[in-house]
Amino acid sequence: MQIAPKIHDKLGPQSVQGEFVSAKGTISSAWAVEASGVRLEVSLPVGVGSATIVVPKPMADGKAAASAVVKLHGTVVWDGNKLVGTPEGIDGAKDTPEGVAFDTTNGAFNFESTAAASRNVAE
């Protein structure tokens, strides 16, 4: 199972929420594009053994940020380059062009994604 919202800062809805009653239980998801970034809430019932949740990178003028910092329940779990610590319910993560893909177990996940600060490299 994969939950991967497709967002745009100028087109389409700025927030969506929904539920799906599956054979394994109720799966719910809600996301919103905010001034500071993107908020994504997902609830996966016990019957769902694993899933991939792609947390979208914030956008500016229709383009996704080069990298994002992602918080789970207010704590940084992706620093723009790698998984930080061993967050409960997260088995792994990788960067993709649209967002950060987290391999998860079941549970409730409240993610916040903000653009990572760009690094200046002296030439």
Protein backbone atom coordinates (compact mmCIF):
# COMPACT_ATOMS: atom_id res chain seq x y z
CA MET A 1 0.00 0.00 0.00
CA GLN A 2 1.18 3.51 -0.80
CA ILE A 3 -0.15 6.92 0.18
CA ALA A 4 1.41 9.62 -2.00
CA PRO A 5 -0.50 12.92 -2.24
CA LYS A 6 0.09 14.96 -5.39
CA ILE A 7 0.17 18.65 -4.49
CA HIS A 8 0.65 21.95 -6.30
CA ASP A 9 1.11 25.33 -4.68
CA LYS A 10 -1.05 27.17 -7.23
CA LEU A 11 -3.34 24.58 -8.86
CA GLY A 12 -5.80 22.16 -7.36
CA PRO A 13 -7.05 21.91 -3.81
CA GLN A 14 -4.98 23.25 -0.95
CA SER A 15 -6.25 20.52 1.36
CA VAL A 16 -7.91 17.11 1.13
CA GLN A 17 -9.12 14.57 3.65
CA GLY A 18 -10.66 11.17 3.26
CA GLU A 19 -11.26 7.71 4.64
CA PHE A 20 -11.34 4.28 3.08
CA VAL A 21 -12.90 1.29 4.80
CA SER A 22 -10.75 -1.65 3.73
CA ALA A 23 -10.96 -5.30 4.72
CA LYS A 24 -8.09 -4.54 7.13
CA GLY A 25 -9.78 -1.55 8.80
CA THR A 26 -10.32 2.15 8.18
CA ILE A 27 -7.47 4.01 6.50
CA SER A 28 -7.59 7.78 6.80
CA SER A 29 -5.48 10.54 5.31
CA ALA A 30 -5.53 14.33 5.29
CA TRP A 31 -3.08 16.82 3.82
CA ALA A 32 -2.83 20.57 3.52
CA VAL A 33 -0.54 22.98 1.71
CA GLU A 34 0.36 25.71 4.20
CA ALA A 35 2.55 28.81 4.06
CA SER A 36 5.29 27.00 5.99
CA GLY A 37 5.13 23.76 3.98
CA VAL A 38 2.97 20.64 3.81
CA ARG A 39 1.12 18.82 6.58
CA LEU A 40 0.16 15.14 6.10
CA GLU A 41 -1.77 13.00 8.58
CA VAL A 42 -2.23 9.27 7.97
CA SER A 43 -3.84 6.61 10.14
CA LEU A 44 -3.25 2.95 9.27
CA PRO A 45 -5.14 0.23 11.18
CA VAL A 46 -3.48 -2.78 12.81
CA GLY A 47 -4.49 -4.95 9.83
CA VAL A 48 -2.10 -3.00 7.59
CA GLY A 49 1.30 -4.59 8.17
CA SER A 50 3.32 -2.12 6.11
CA ALA A 51 2.89 0.84 3.80
CA THR A 52 4.85 3.55 2.02
CA ILE A 53 3.88 7.11 2.88
CA VAL A 54 5.33 9.77 0.58
CA VAL A 55 5.45 13.13 2.35
CA PRO A 56 5.39 15.82 -0.38
CA LYS A 57 8.12 18.43 -0.56
CA PRO A 58 6.89 22.03 -0.32
CA MET A 59 6.45 23.80 -3.65
CA ALA A 60 7.21 27.28 -4.97
CA ASP A 61 5.92 28.39 -8.37
CA GLY A 62 4.97 24.83 -9.28
CA LYS A 63 8.34 23.27 -8.47
CA ALA A 64 9.09 21.00 -5.53
CA ALA A 65 11.86 22.08 -3.17
CA ALA A 66 15.22 20.43 -3.85
CA SER A 67 15.13 18.89 -0.37
CA ALA A 68 12.86 18.95 2.65
CA VAL A 69 13.08 18.58 6.40
CA VAL A 70 10.32 16.30 7.68
CA LYS A 71 9.00 16.19 11.23
CA LEU A 72 6.92 13.36 12.69
CA HIS A 73 4.79 14.43 15.66
CA GLY A 74 6.96 17.58 15.94
CA THR A 75 10.35 15.79 15.91
CA VAL A 76 12.72 15.87 12.93
CA VAL A 77 12.91 12.41 11.32
CA TRP A 78 14.38 13.46 7.94
CA ASP A 79 17.08 16.15 7.93
CA GLY A 80 17.01 16.80 4.18
CA ASN A 81 19.46 13.97 3.45
CA LYS A 82 18.79 11.01 5.70
CA LEU A 83 16.60 9.41 8.35
CA VAL A 84 17.30 10.77 11.83
CA GLY A 85 17.22 8.31 14.72
CA THR A 86 14.87 5.34 14.87
CA PRO A 87 11.36 6.82 14.92
CA GLU A 88 8.60 4.47 16.05
CA GLY A 89 6.66 3.05 13.12
CA ILE A 90 9.29 4.04 10.51
CA ASP A 91 11.36 1.23 9.01
CA GLY A 92 13.26 3.32 6.46
CA ALA A 93 13.12 6.36 4.20
CA LYS A 94 14.44 7.65 0.88
CA ASP A 95 14.37 10.92 -1.00
CA THR A 96 12.35 11.10 -4.22
CA PRO A 97 11.80 14.05 -6.59
CA GLU A 98 8.28 14.66 -5.21
CA GLY A 99 8.86 13.93 -1.52
CA VAL A 100 10.34 11.71 1.13
CA ALA A 101 9.09 8.10 1.01
CA PHE A 102 8.79 6.50 4.44
CA ASP A 103 8.42 2.72 4.87
CA THR A 104 6.01 2.40 7.77
CA THR A 105 4.13 -0.04 9.93
CA ASN A 106 0.58 0.64 11.10
CA GLY A 107 -0.30 3.53 13.39
CA ALA A 108 -1.01 7.26 13.33
CA PHE A 109 1.49 9.53 11.59
CA ASN A 110 1.44 13.35 11.68
CA PHE A 111 4.09 14.67 9.27
CA GLU A 112 5.19 18.24 8.53
CA SER A 113 7.44 19.00 5.55
CA THR A 114 9.35 22.27 5.14
CA ALA A 115 11.94 23.28 2.57
CA ALA A 116 15.48 22.53 3.74
CA ALA A 117 17.83 25.48 3.87
CA SER A 118 20.02 25.61 0.80
CA ARG A 119 23.75 25.29 1.30
CA ASN A 120 26.15 27.75 -0.20
CA VAL A 121 29.25 26.09 -1.56
CA ALA A 122 32.28 28.28 -2.25
CA GLU A 123 33.70 27.72 -5.72
